[in-house]
Amino acid sequence: MRDYVIFVDSACDISADLLNEWGVKFCSLSLAFSDDPKEYLDHEIPAKEFYDRMRAGALPKTSAANMGKFYDAFDEIVKTGKDILYIAFSSGLSATCNFAREAAEEVMQENEGSKITVVDSLCASAGYGLLLYLAVEKKKSGMDIDQLASFVEDTKMNVTHWFTVDDLKYLKAGGRISATTALLGGMLNIKPVMKVDENGKLISVEKVRGRKAALKTIADVYCDTATDKKDGVVFISHGDCLDDANALADMIKQNSGAKVELITGIGPVIGSHSGPGTLALFFLVNER
C-alpha cells in the first residue's frame, strides 16, 4: 500500500509551524477587507493586526479555497507517489469540502492508482484541530489511510465545540443573529453561549449576562459532559484574548484536574465571523 499524507485547511486554527511539525500538509483559506483590495491568505496576516483592524471598524469577508487551489496541492502530492487523506473544514460552514471533493476526483482520474480520501470533519477552529491531532497520533501508531479515514468518521461526532463571543455585531454581520438581538444584547451585556451541532453548524444554546458568566458556563459544560474529565484532550482557541483563554484553562484545571493540551489563536478566516474576544473550548464527549 502506498504511503499517504494527512491534508487540512487553515480553518483548523493550528499554526503552520505546528502543522509542519506534525507532518500535515495544508492550504490556506483567504479573506479581504471591505476597505482594502488585497486578498490575504489565512496565515499571511498577523492575528494581532487582523483583530486590531476589526476593532477599528474594518469588515473582512472570507473565501473558500477554490477547486483550482486544491487541484494544484493534491496533484503535487500524488505525483510524489503518496496518497492523501484530506480532513475538511465543516461543510455546514463552508463550501471548501465540496470544492476539494471535485478536485480530488479530477486528480485521481489523471493519476492512475492514486487515492485521495475526503472526510468532512463537521468541525471548525481548534475542534477541527483537535480531531486532526487525534488523527496524527493514530497515523503514528501505524493506521493505514482507510483505517484512519474510518477513525475520523467514527470520532468526529465526539468532538464538541463550545464558545462565546465578546461583541454580537459580528454574528449579526454574518447573519447568525438578528439586528434587534445584537442591539439588545449589547445594551444588556448579554453573551451567547454557542456550540457546533451534529450538522457542523453554529447554534445558540444559552444567553448569560457578562463575560465571567459565559466562561463559567463553558467550564461547567466541560465538567458535566467530558468523557474523561481528568485526562482527556482539551484545546482552547481565542480571538486575541489570551488572558481569558488562560483563565478558562485554570477554571477547568481547578474544577476537574484536566490540563489543557493546546491554547491556540483563532485565525483570521474563522475570526472574520466571530470577531475579537471570541473564546472557544473543545473536548471529547459521548455524543455532540
C-alpha atoms as a PDB file:
ATOM      1  CA  MET A   1       0.000   0.000   0.000  1.00  0.00           C
ATOM      2  CA  ARG A   2       1.241   3.493  -0.875  1.00  0.00           C
ATOM      3  CA  ASP A   3       2.345   5.931   1.807  1.00  0.00           C
ATOM      4  CA  TYR A   4      -0.043   8.812   2.477  1.00  0.00           C
ATOM      5  CA  VAL A   5      -0.196  12.272   3.993  1.00  0.00           C
ATOM      6  CA  ILE A   6      -2.853  13.986   6.070  1.00  0.00           C
ATOM      7  CA  PHE A   7      -4.060  17.220   4.485  1.00  0.00           C
ATOM      8  CA  VAL A   8      -6.136  20.001   6.099  1.00  0.00           C
ATOM      9  CA  ASP A   9      -7.048  23.638   5.539  1.00  0.00           C
ATOM     10  CA  SER A  10      -6.276  26.625   7.714  1.00  0.00           C
ATOM     11  CA  ALA A  11      -9.728  26.681   9.345  1.00  0.00           C
ATOM     12  CA  CYS A  12      -8.302  24.164  11.843  1.00  0.00           C
ATOM     13  CA  ASP A  13      -6.571  27.117  13.580  1.00  0.00           C
ATOM     14  CA  ILE A  14      -3.366  25.169  14.103  1.00  0.00           C
ATOM     15  CA  SER A  15      -0.255  27.199  13.327  1.00  0.00           C
ATOM     16  CA  ALA A  16       1.721  26.481  10.179  1.00  0.00           C
ATOM     17  CA  ASP A  17       4.765  25.626  12.304  1.00  0.00           C
ATOM     18  CA  LEU A  18       2.834  23.048  14.315  1.00  0.00           C
ATOM     19  CA  LEU A  19       1.242  21.550  11.194  1.00  0.00           C
ATOM     20  CA  ASN A  20       4.706  21.165   9.706  1.00  0.00           C
ATOM     21  CA  GLU A  21       5.925  19.564  12.939  1.00  0.00           C
ATOM     22  CA  TRP A  22       3.041  17.074  12.751  1.00  0.00           C
ATOM     23  CA  GLY A  23       3.866  16.320   9.103  1.00  0.00           C
ATOM     24  CA  VAL A  24       0.498  17.630   7.907  1.00  0.00           C
ATOM     25  CA  LYS A  25       0.101  19.309   4.533  1.00  0.00           C
ATOM     26  CA  PHE A  26      -2.320  22.219   4.298  1.00  0.00           C
ATOM     27  CA  CYS A  27      -3.767  25.012   2.211  1.00  0.00           C
ATOM     28  CA  SER A  28      -4.788  28.441   3.445  1.00  0.00           C
ATOM     29  CA  LEU A  29      -8.247  29.889   3.043  1.00  0.00           C
ATOM     30  CA  SER A  30      -8.398  33.595   2.226  1.00  0.00           C
ATOM     31  CA  LEU A  31     -10.066  36.858   3.174  1.00  0.00           C
ATOM     32  CA  ALA A  32     -10.240  40.505   2.182  1.00  0.00           C
ATOM     33  CA  PHE A  33     -11.298  43.682   3.969  1.00  0.00           C
ATOM     34  CA  SER A  34     -14.036  45.901   2.620  1.00  0.00           C
ATOM     35  CA  ASP A  35     -11.635  48.880   2.569  1.00  0.00           C
ATOM     36  CA  ASP A  36      -8.632  47.009   1.160  1.00  0.00           C
ATOM     37  CA  PRO A  37      -8.451  45.376  -2.308  1.00  0.00           C
ATOM     38  CA  LYS A  38      -5.699  42.961  -1.258  1.00  0.00           C
ATOM     39  CA  GLU A  39      -6.620  39.315  -0.664  1.00  0.00           C
ATOM     40  CA  TYR A  40      -4.859  37.771   2.324  1.00  0.00           C
ATOM     41  CA  LEU A  41      -4.180  34.120   2.992  1.00  0.00           C
ATOM     42  CA  ASP A  42      -5.154  32.943   6.469  1.00  0.00           C
ATOM     43  CA  HIS A  43      -1.537  32.575   7.634  1.00  0.00           C
ATOM     44  CA  GLU A  44      -0.394  35.733   5.849  1.00  0.00           C
ATOM     45  CA  ILE A  45      -1.766  38.424   8.156  1.00  0.00           C
ATOM     46  CA  PRO A  46      -0.696  38.503  11.837  1.00  0.00           C
ATOM     47  CA  ALA A  47      -3.625  37.815  14.161  1.00  0.00           C
ATOM     48  CA  LYS A  48      -2.988  40.913  16.275  1.00  0.00           C
ATOM     49  CA  GLU A  49      -3.037  43.158  13.202  1.00  0.00           C
ATOM     50  CA  PHE A  50      -6.160  41.434  11.918  1.00  0.00           C
ATOM     51  CA  TYR A  51      -8.141  41.833  15.139  1.00  0.00           C
ATOM     52  CA  ASP A  52      -6.966  45.426  15.641  1.00  0.00           C
ATOM     53  CA  ARG A  53      -8.305  46.248  12.187  1.00  0.00           C
ATOM     54  CA  MET A  54     -11.626  44.658  13.102  1.00  0.00           C
ATOM     55  CA  ARG A  55     -11.739  46.663  16.337  1.00  0.00           C
ATOM     56  CA  ALA A  56     -11.125  49.796  14.271  1.00  0.00           C
ATOM     57  CA  GLY A  57     -14.194  49.005  12.168  1.00  0.00           C
ATOM     58  CA  ALA A  58     -12.849  47.061   9.175  1.00  0.00           C
ATOM     59  CA  LEU A  59     -15.147  44.286   7.980  1.00  0.00           C
ATOM     60  CA  PRO A  60     -13.458  41.206   6.482  1.00  0.00           C
ATOM     61  CA  LYS A  61     -15.051  38.794   4.036  1.00  0.00           C
ATOM     62  CA  THR A  62     -13.783  35.236   3.633  1.00  0.00           C
ATOM     63  CA  SER A  63     -13.456  32.926   0.645  1.00  0.00           C
ATOM     64  CA  ALA A  64     -13.406  29.144   0.477  1.00  0.00           C
ATOM     65  CA  ALA A  65     -10.382  27.564  -1.185  1.00  0.00           C
ATOM     66  CA  ASN A  66     -11.447  27.004  -4.771  1.00  0.00           C
ATOM     67  CA  MET A  67     -11.162  23.816  -6.773  1.00  0.00           C
ATOM     68  CA  GLY A  68      -8.031  25.025  -8.541  1.00  0.00           C
ATOM     69  CA  LYS A  69      -6.132  25.518  -5.314  1.00  0.00           C
ATOM     70  CA  PHE A  70      -6.985  22.011  -4.171  1.00  0.00           C
ATOM     71  CA  TYR A  71      -6.216  20.542  -7.593  1.00  0.00           C
ATOM     72  CA  ASP A  72      -2.711  22.043  -7.567  1.00  0.00           C
ATOM     73  CA  ALA A  73      -1.993  20.934  -3.997  1.00  0.00           C
ATOM     74  CA  PHE A  74      -3.352  17.401  -4.464  1.00  0.00           C
ATOM     75  CA  ASP A  75      -1.674  16.909  -7.832  1.00  0.00           C
ATOM     76  CA  GLU A  76       1.720  17.921  -6.446  1.00  0.00           C
ATOM     77  CA  ILE A  77       1.437  15.395  -3.615  1.00  0.00           C
ATOM     78  CA  VAL A  78       0.210  12.391  -5.623  1.00  0.00           C
ATOM     79  CA  LYS A  79       2.988  12.923  -8.150  1.00  0.00           C
ATOM     80  CA  THR A  80       5.439  12.145  -5.321  1.00  0.00           C
ATOM     81  CA  GLY A  81       3.828   8.704  -5.045  1.00  0.00           C
ATOM     82  CA  LYS A  82       1.767   9.415  -1.928  1.00  0.00           C
ATOM     83  CA  ASP A  83      -1.969   9.216  -1.313  1.00  0.00           C
ATOM     84  CA  ILE A  84      -3.942  11.857   0.606  1.00  0.00           C
ATOM     85  CA  LEU A  85      -6.420  11.892   3.456  1.00  0.00           C
ATOM     86  CA  TYR A  86      -7.984  15.346   3.465  1.00  0.00           C
ATOM     87  CA  ILE A  87      -9.847  16.129   6.686  1.00  0.00           C
ATOM     88  CA  ALA A  88     -12.039  19.069   5.665  1.00  0.00           C
ATOM     89  CA  PHE A  89     -13.492  22.144   7.344  1.00  0.00           C
ATOM     90  CA  SER A  90     -17.176  21.641   8.181  1.00  0.00           C
ATOM     91  CA  SER A  91     -19.473  21.599   5.153  1.00  0.00           C
ATOM     92  CA  GLY A  92     -22.058  23.191   7.443  1.00  0.00           C
ATOM     93  CA  LEU A  93     -19.993  26.379   7.458  1.00  0.00           C
ATOM     94  CA  SER A  94     -18.154  26.447   4.127  1.00  0.00           C
ATOM     95  CA  ALA A  95     -18.166  25.139   0.560  1.00  0.00           C
ATOM     96  CA  THR A  96     -14.485  24.198   0.936  1.00  0.00           C
ATOM     97  CA  CYS A  97     -15.166  20.474   1.375  1.00  0.00           C
ATOM     98  CA  ASN A  98     -17.221  20.289  -1.837  1.00  0.00           C
ATOM     99  CA  PHE A  99     -14.523  22.043  -3.878  1.00  0.00           C
ATOM    100  CA  ALA A 100     -11.944  19.601  -2.516  1.00  0.00           C
ATOM    101  CA  ARG A 101     -14.050  16.586  -3.475  1.00  0.00           C
ATOM    102  CA  GLU A 102     -14.344  17.847  -7.059  1.00  0.00           C
ATOM    103  CA  ALA A 103     -10.589  18.455  -7.252  1.00  0.00           C
ATOM    104  CA  ALA A 104      -9.833  15.040  -5.757  1.00  0.00           C
ATOM    105  CA  GLU A 105     -11.928  13.267  -8.400  1.00  0.00           C
ATOM    106  CA  GLU A 106     -10.152  15.082 -11.206  1.00  0.00           C
ATOM    107  CA  VAL A 107      -6.671  14.431  -9.824  1.00  0.00           C
ATOM    108  CA  MET A 108      -7.390  10.717  -9.318  1.00  0.00           C
ATOM    109  CA  GLN A 109      -8.702  10.406 -12.881  1.00  0.00           C
ATOM    110  CA  GLU A 110      -5.498  11.941 -14.218  1.00  0.00           C
ATOM    111  CA  ASN A 111      -3.147   9.971 -11.943  1.00  0.00           C
ATOM    112  CA  GLU A 112      -3.908   6.258 -12.228  1.00  0.00           C
ATOM    113  CA  GLY A 113      -3.519   4.346  -8.975  1.00  0.00           C
ATOM    114  CA  SER A 114      -3.660   7.447  -6.777  1.00  0.00           C
ATOM    115  CA  LYS A 115      -6.059   7.733  -3.858  1.00  0.00           C
ATOM    116  CA  ILE A 116      -7.483  10.878  -2.284  1.00  0.00           C
ATOM    117  CA  THR A 117      -9.995  10.382   0.514  1.00  0.00           C
ATOM    118  CA  VAL A 118     -12.002  13.398   1.686  1.00  0.00           C
ATOM    119  CA  VAL A 119     -13.654  13.329   5.119  1.00  0.00           C
ATOM    120  CA  ASP A 120     -16.000  16.136   6.136  1.00  0.00           C
ATOM    121  CA  SER A 121     -14.965  16.860   9.737  1.00  0.00           C
ATOM    122  CA  LEU A 122     -18.139  18.809  10.595  1.00  0.00           C
ATOM    123  CA  CYS A 123     -15.721  20.666  12.876  1.00  0.00           C
ATOM    124  CA  ALA A 124     -14.237  24.151  12.965  1.00  0.00           C
ATOM    125  CA  SER A 125     -11.385  26.072  14.556  1.00  0.00           C
ATOM    126  CA  ALA A 126      -9.461  24.092  17.161  1.00  0.00           C
ATOM    127  CA  GLY A 127     -12.243  21.484  17.322  1.00  0.00           C
ATOM    128  CA  TYR A 128     -11.142  20.672  13.788  1.00  0.00           C
ATOM    129  CA  GLY A 129      -7.588  20.939  15.109  1.00  0.00           C
ATOM    130  CA  LEU A 130      -8.323  18.503  17.942  1.00  0.00           C
ATOM    131  CA  LEU A 131      -9.720  15.949  15.503  1.00  0.00           C
ATOM    132  CA  LEU A 132      -6.583  16.414  13.411  1.00  0.00           C
ATOM    133  CA  TYR A 133      -4.370  15.928  16.475  1.00  0.00           C
ATOM    134  CA  LEU A 134      -6.080  12.619  17.233  1.00  0.00           C
ATOM    135  CA  ALA A 135      -5.684  11.558  13.588  1.00  0.00           C
ATOM    136  CA  VAL A 136      -1.962  12.385  13.608  1.00  0.00           C
ATOM    137  CA  GLU A 137      -1.478  10.245  16.715  1.00  0.00           C
ATOM    138  CA  LYS A 138      -3.316   7.334  15.080  1.00  0.00           C
ATOM    139  CA  LYS A 139      -1.231   7.662  11.920  1.00  0.00           C
ATOM    140  CA  LYS A 140       1.910   7.455  14.073  1.00  0.00           C
ATOM    141  CA  SER A 141       0.567   4.219  15.573  1.00  0.00           C
ATOM    142  CA  GLY A 142       0.513   2.650  12.109  1.00  0.00           C
ATOM    143  CA  MET A 143      -3.031   3.117  10.779  1.00  0.00           C
ATOM    144  CA  ASP A 144      -3.296   2.967   7.007  1.00  0.00           C
ATOM    145  CA  ILE A 145      -5.318   5.536   5.075  1.00  0.00           C
ATOM    146  CA  ASP A 146      -8.563   3.540   5.113  1.00  0.00           C
ATOM    147  CA  GLN A 147      -8.318   2.789   8.823  1.00  0.00           C
ATOM    148  CA  LEU A 148      -7.586   6.420   9.607  1.00  0.00           C
ATOM    149  CA  ALA A 149     -10.455   7.686   7.459  1.00  0.00           C
ATOM    150  CA  SER A 150     -12.794   5.355   9.340  1.00  0.00           C
ATOM    151  CA  PHE A 151     -11.387   6.551  12.661  1.00  0.00           C
ATOM    152  CA  VAL A 152     -12.003  10.198  11.749  1.00  0.00           C
ATOM    153  CA  GLU A 153     -15.559   9.433  10.617  1.00  0.00           C
ATOM    154  CA  ASP A 154     -16.244   7.496  13.805  1.00  0.00           C
ATOM    155  CA  THR A 155     -14.714  10.127  16.093  1.00  0.00           C
ATOM    156  CA  LYS A 156     -15.834  13.471  14.691  1.00  0.00           C
ATOM    157  CA  MET A 157     -19.216  13.425  16.455  1.00  0.00           C
ATOM    158  CA  ASN A 158     -17.383  13.015  19.763  1.00  0.00           C
ATOM    159  CA  VAL A 159     -15.593  16.351  19.339  1.00  0.00           C
ATOM    160  CA  THR A 160     -17.654  19.100  20.931  1.00  0.00           C
ATOM    161  CA  HIS A 161     -17.256  22.859  20.387  1.00  0.00           C
ATOM    162  CA  TRP A 162     -18.410  25.450  22.948  1.00  0.00           C
ATOM    163  CA  PHE A 163     -17.757  29.143  22.593  1.00  0.00           C
ATOM    164  CA  THR A 164     -18.776  32.668  23.393  1.00  0.00           C
ATOM    165  CA  VAL A 165     -18.195  35.991  21.659  1.00  0.00           C
ATOM    166  CA  ASP A 166     -17.475  39.410  23.091  1.00  0.00           C
ATOM    167  CA  ASP A 167     -19.380  41.535  20.570  1.00  0.00           C
ATOM    168  CA  LEU A 168     -22.597  40.373  18.932  1.00  0.00           C
ATOM    169  CA  LYS A 169     -22.217  42.649  15.893  1.00  0.00           C
ATOM    170  CA  TYR A 170     -20.000  40.108  14.110  1.00  0.00           C
ATOM    171  CA  LEU A 171     -22.581  37.360  14.461  1.00  0.00           C
ATOM    172  CA  LYS A 172     -25.156  39.852  13.168  1.00  0.00           C
ATOM    173  CA  ALA A 173     -22.979  40.700  10.166  1.00  0.00           C
ATOM    174  CA  GLY A 174     -22.721  37.003   9.351  1.00  0.00           C
ATOM    175  CA  GLY A 175     -26.480  36.506   9.605  1.00  0.00           C
ATOM    176  CA  ARG A 176     -26.231  34.329  12.727  1.00  0.00           C
ATOM    177  CA  ILE A 177     -28.443  36.635  14.831  1.00  0.00           C
ATOM    178  CA  SER A 178     -30.865  39.469  14.095  1.00  0.00           C
ATOM    179  CA  ALA A 179     -30.030  43.155  14.331  1.00  0.00           C
ATOM    180  CA  THR A 180     -32.524  43.516  17.204  1.00  0.00           C
ATOM    181  CA  THR A 181     -30.920  40.687  19.158  1.00  0.00           C
ATOM    182  CA  ALA A 182     -27.481  42.196  18.643  1.00  0.00           C
ATOM    183  CA  LEU A 183     -28.654  45.655  19.753  1.00  0.00           C
ATOM    184  CA  LEU A 184     -30.452  44.449  22.858  1.00  0.00           C
ATOM    185  CA  GLY A 185     -27.658  42.032  23.724  1.00  0.00           C
ATOM    186  CA  GLY A 186     -25.098  44.819  23.573  1.00  0.00           C
ATOM    187  CA  MET A 187     -27.204  47.119  25.747  1.00  0.00           C
ATOM    188  CA  LEU A 188     -27.808  44.404  28.378  1.00  0.00           C
ATOM    189  CA  ASN A 189     -24.280  42.910  28.242  1.00  0.00           C
ATOM    190  CA  ILE A 190     -25.719  39.590  27.086  1.00  0.00           C
ATOM    191  CA  LYS A 191     -23.176  36.981  25.988  1.00  0.00           C
ATOM    192  CA  PRO A 192     -24.302  33.970  23.958  1.00  0.00           C
ATOM    193  CA  VAL A 193     -23.021  30.504  24.714  1.00  0.00           C
ATOM    194  CA  MET A 194     -22.978  28.597  21.433  1.00  0.00           C
ATOM    195  CA  LYS A 195     -21.844  25.283  20.021  1.00  0.00           C
ATOM    196  CA  VAL A 196     -21.390  23.456  16.734  1.00  0.00           C
ATOM    197  CA  ASP A 197     -24.182  20.912  16.216  1.00  0.00           C
ATOM    198  CA  GLU A 198     -24.205  17.465  14.596  1.00  0.00           C
ATOM    199  CA  ASN A 199     -24.591  19.090  11.162  1.00  0.00           C
ATOM    200  CA  GLY A 200     -21.467  21.180  11.638  1.00  0.00           C
ATOM    201  CA  LYS A 201     -23.453  24.404  12.035  1.00  0.00           C
ATOM    202  CA  LEU A 202     -23.432  27.049  14.775  1.00  0.00           C
ATOM    203  CA  ILE A 203     -26.346  27.084  17.176  1.00  0.00           C
ATOM    204  CA  SER A 204     -27.096  29.205  20.229  1.00  0.00           C
ATOM    205  CA  VAL A 205     -27.577  27.206  23.432  1.00  0.00           C
ATOM    206  CA  GLU A 206     -27.827  29.783  26.204  1.00  0.00           C
ATOM    207  CA  LYS A 207     -27.600  33.510  26.890  1.00  0.00           C
ATOM    208  CA  VAL A 208     -25.932  34.791  30.062  1.00  0.00           C
ATOM    209  CA  ARG A 209     -25.161  38.233  31.392  1.00  0.00           C
ATOM    210  CA  GLY A 210     -21.491  39.132  31.407  1.00  0.00           C
ATOM    211  CA  ARG A 211     -18.217  37.641  30.245  1.00  0.00           C
ATOM    212  CA  LYS A 212     -17.404  35.879  33.518  1.00  0.00           C
ATOM    213  CA  ALA A 213     -20.755  34.090  33.487  1.00  0.00           C
ATOM    214  CA  ALA A 214     -20.121  32.920  29.926  1.00  0.00           C
ATOM    215  CA  LEU A 215     -16.715  31.483  30.847  1.00  0.00           C
ATOM    216  CA  LYS A 216     -18.164  29.746  33.889  1.00  0.00           C
ATOM    217  CA  THR A 217     -20.960  28.229  31.820  1.00  0.00           C
ATOM    218  CA  ILE A 218     -18.483  26.813  29.319  1.00  0.00           C
ATOM    219  CA  ALA A 219     -16.251  25.441  32.093  1.00  0.00           C
ATOM    220  CA  ASP A 220     -19.273  23.829  33.734  1.00  0.00           C
ATOM    221  CA  VAL A 221     -20.245  22.141  30.459  1.00  0.00           C
ATOM    222  CA  TYR A 222     -16.818  20.519  30.410  1.00  0.00           C
ATOM    223  CA  CYS A 223     -17.246  19.150  33.923  1.00  0.00           C
ATOM    224  CA  ASP A 224     -20.735  17.879  33.109  1.00  0.00           C
ATOM    225  CA  THR A 225     -20.111  16.241  29.740  1.00  0.00           C
ATOM    226  CA  ALA A 226     -16.430  15.403  29.088  1.00  0.00           C
ATOM    227  CA  THR A 227     -15.848  11.672  28.645  1.00  0.00           C
ATOM    228  CA  ASP A 228     -12.533  11.850  30.519  1.00  0.00           C
ATOM    229  CA  LYS A 229     -12.654  14.857  32.819  1.00  0.00           C
ATOM    230  CA  LYS A 230      -9.152  14.452  34.220  1.00  0.00           C
ATOM    231  CA  ASP A 231      -7.033  13.122  31.367  1.00  0.00           C
ATOM    232  CA  GLY A 232      -8.976  13.909  28.176  1.00  0.00           C
ATOM    233  CA  VAL A 233      -7.545  16.012  25.361  1.00  0.00           C
ATOM    234  CA  VAL A 234      -8.654  19.652  25.677  1.00  0.00           C
ATOM    235  CA  PHE A 235      -7.990  22.512  23.244  1.00  0.00           C
ATOM    236  CA  ILE A 236      -8.855  26.202  23.620  1.00  0.00           C
ATOM    237  CA  SER A 237      -8.857  28.815  20.861  1.00  0.00           C
ATOM    238  CA  HIS A 238      -9.179  32.567  21.271  1.00  0.00           C
ATOM    239  CA  GLY A 239      -9.631  35.701  19.201  1.00  0.00           C
ATOM    240  CA  ASP A 240      -6.828  37.852  20.641  1.00  0.00           C
ATOM    241  CA  CYS A 241      -7.904  37.319  24.277  1.00  0.00           C
ATOM    242  CA  LEU A 242      -5.147  35.129  25.687  1.00  0.00           C
ATOM    243  CA  ASP A 243      -5.786  36.187  29.290  1.00  0.00           C
ATOM    244  CA  ASP A 244      -9.351  34.884  29.093  1.00  0.00           C
ATOM    245  CA  ALA A 245      -8.119  31.668  27.459  1.00  0.00           C
ATOM    246  CA  ASN A 246      -5.685  31.132  30.319  1.00  0.00           C
ATOM    247  CA  ALA A 247      -8.434  31.913  32.838  1.00  0.00           C
ATOM    248  CA  LEU A 248     -10.696  29.291  31.249  1.00  0.00           C
ATOM    249  CA  ALA A 249      -7.867  26.750  31.313  1.00  0.00           C
ATOM    250  CA  ASP A 250      -7.324  27.485  35.015  1.00  0.00           C
ATOM    251  CA  MET A 251     -11.036  27.038  35.739  1.00  0.00           C
ATOM    252  CA  ILE A 252     -11.047  23.640  34.059  1.00  0.00           C
ATOM    253  CA  LYS A 253      -7.928  22.535  35.915  1.00  0.00           C
ATOM    254  CA  GLN A 254      -9.319  23.661  39.253  1.00  0.00           C
ATOM    255  CA  ASN A 255     -12.682  22.008  38.645  1.00  0.00           C
ATOM    256  CA  SER A 256     -11.533  18.689  37.184  1.00  0.00           C
ATOM    257  CA  GLY A 257      -7.750  18.470  37.287  1.00  0.00           C
ATOM    258  CA  ALA A 258      -7.540  18.453  33.485  1.00  0.00           C
ATOM    259  CA  LYS A 259      -4.633  20.138  31.754  1.00  0.00           C
ATOM    260  CA  VAL A 260      -5.383  21.947  28.515  1.00  0.00           C
ATOM    261  CA  GLU A 261      -3.246  20.386  25.775  1.00  0.00           C
ATOM    262  CA  LEU A 262      -3.194  23.412  23.453  1.00  0.00           C
ATOM    263  CA  ILE A 263      -4.194  27.072  23.543  1.00  0.00           C
ATOM    264  CA  THR A 264      -4.184  28.481  20.017  1.00  0.00           C
ATOM    265  CA  GLY A 265      -5.226  31.697  18.325  1.00  0.00           C
ATOM    266  CA  ILE A 266      -8.341  31.837  16.165  1.00  0.00           C
ATOM    267  CA  GLY A 267      -7.104  32.648  12.691  1.00  0.00           C
ATOM    268  CA  PRO A 268      -8.417  35.470  10.509  1.00  0.00           C
ATOM    269  CA  VAL A 269     -10.786  33.298   8.443  1.00  0.00           C
ATOM    270  CA  ILE A 270     -12.680  31.932  11.448  1.00  0.00           C
ATOM    271  CA  GLY A 271     -12.236  35.219  13.319  1.00  0.00           C
ATOM    272  CA  SER A 272     -13.897  37.129  10.484  1.00  0.00           C
ATOM    273  CA  HIS A 273     -17.207  35.581  11.529  1.00  0.00           C
ATOM    274  CA  SER A 274     -16.819  35.682  15.318  1.00  0.00           C
ATOM    275  CA  GLY A 275     -14.722  38.776  15.983  1.00  0.00           C
ATOM    276  CA  PRO A 276     -12.112  39.722  18.571  1.00  0.00           C
ATOM    277  CA  GLY A 277     -12.753  38.368  22.041  1.00  0.00           C
ATOM    278  CA  THR A 278     -14.132  35.031  20.878  1.00  0.00           C
ATOM    279  CA  LEU A 279     -13.256  32.213  23.250  1.00  0.00           C
ATOM    280  CA  ALA A 280     -13.833  28.531  22.449  1.00  0.00           C
ATOM    281  CA  LEU A 281     -13.378  25.208  24.225  1.00  0.00           C
ATOM    282  CA  PHE A 282     -13.049  21.799  22.555  1.00  0.00           C
ATOM    283  CA  PHE A 283     -13.022  18.332  24.095  1.00  0.00           C
ATOM    284  CA  LEU A 284     -14.374  14.806  23.690  1.00  0.00           C
ATOM    285  CA  VAL A 285     -17.885  13.733  24.665  1.00  0.00           C
ATOM    286  CA  ASN A 286     -20.008  10.624  24.161  1.00  0.00           C
ATOM    287  CA  GLU A 287     -22.207  12.488  21.702  1.00  0.00           C
ATOM    288  CA  ARG A 288     -22.001  16.023  20.324  1.00  0.00           C
END
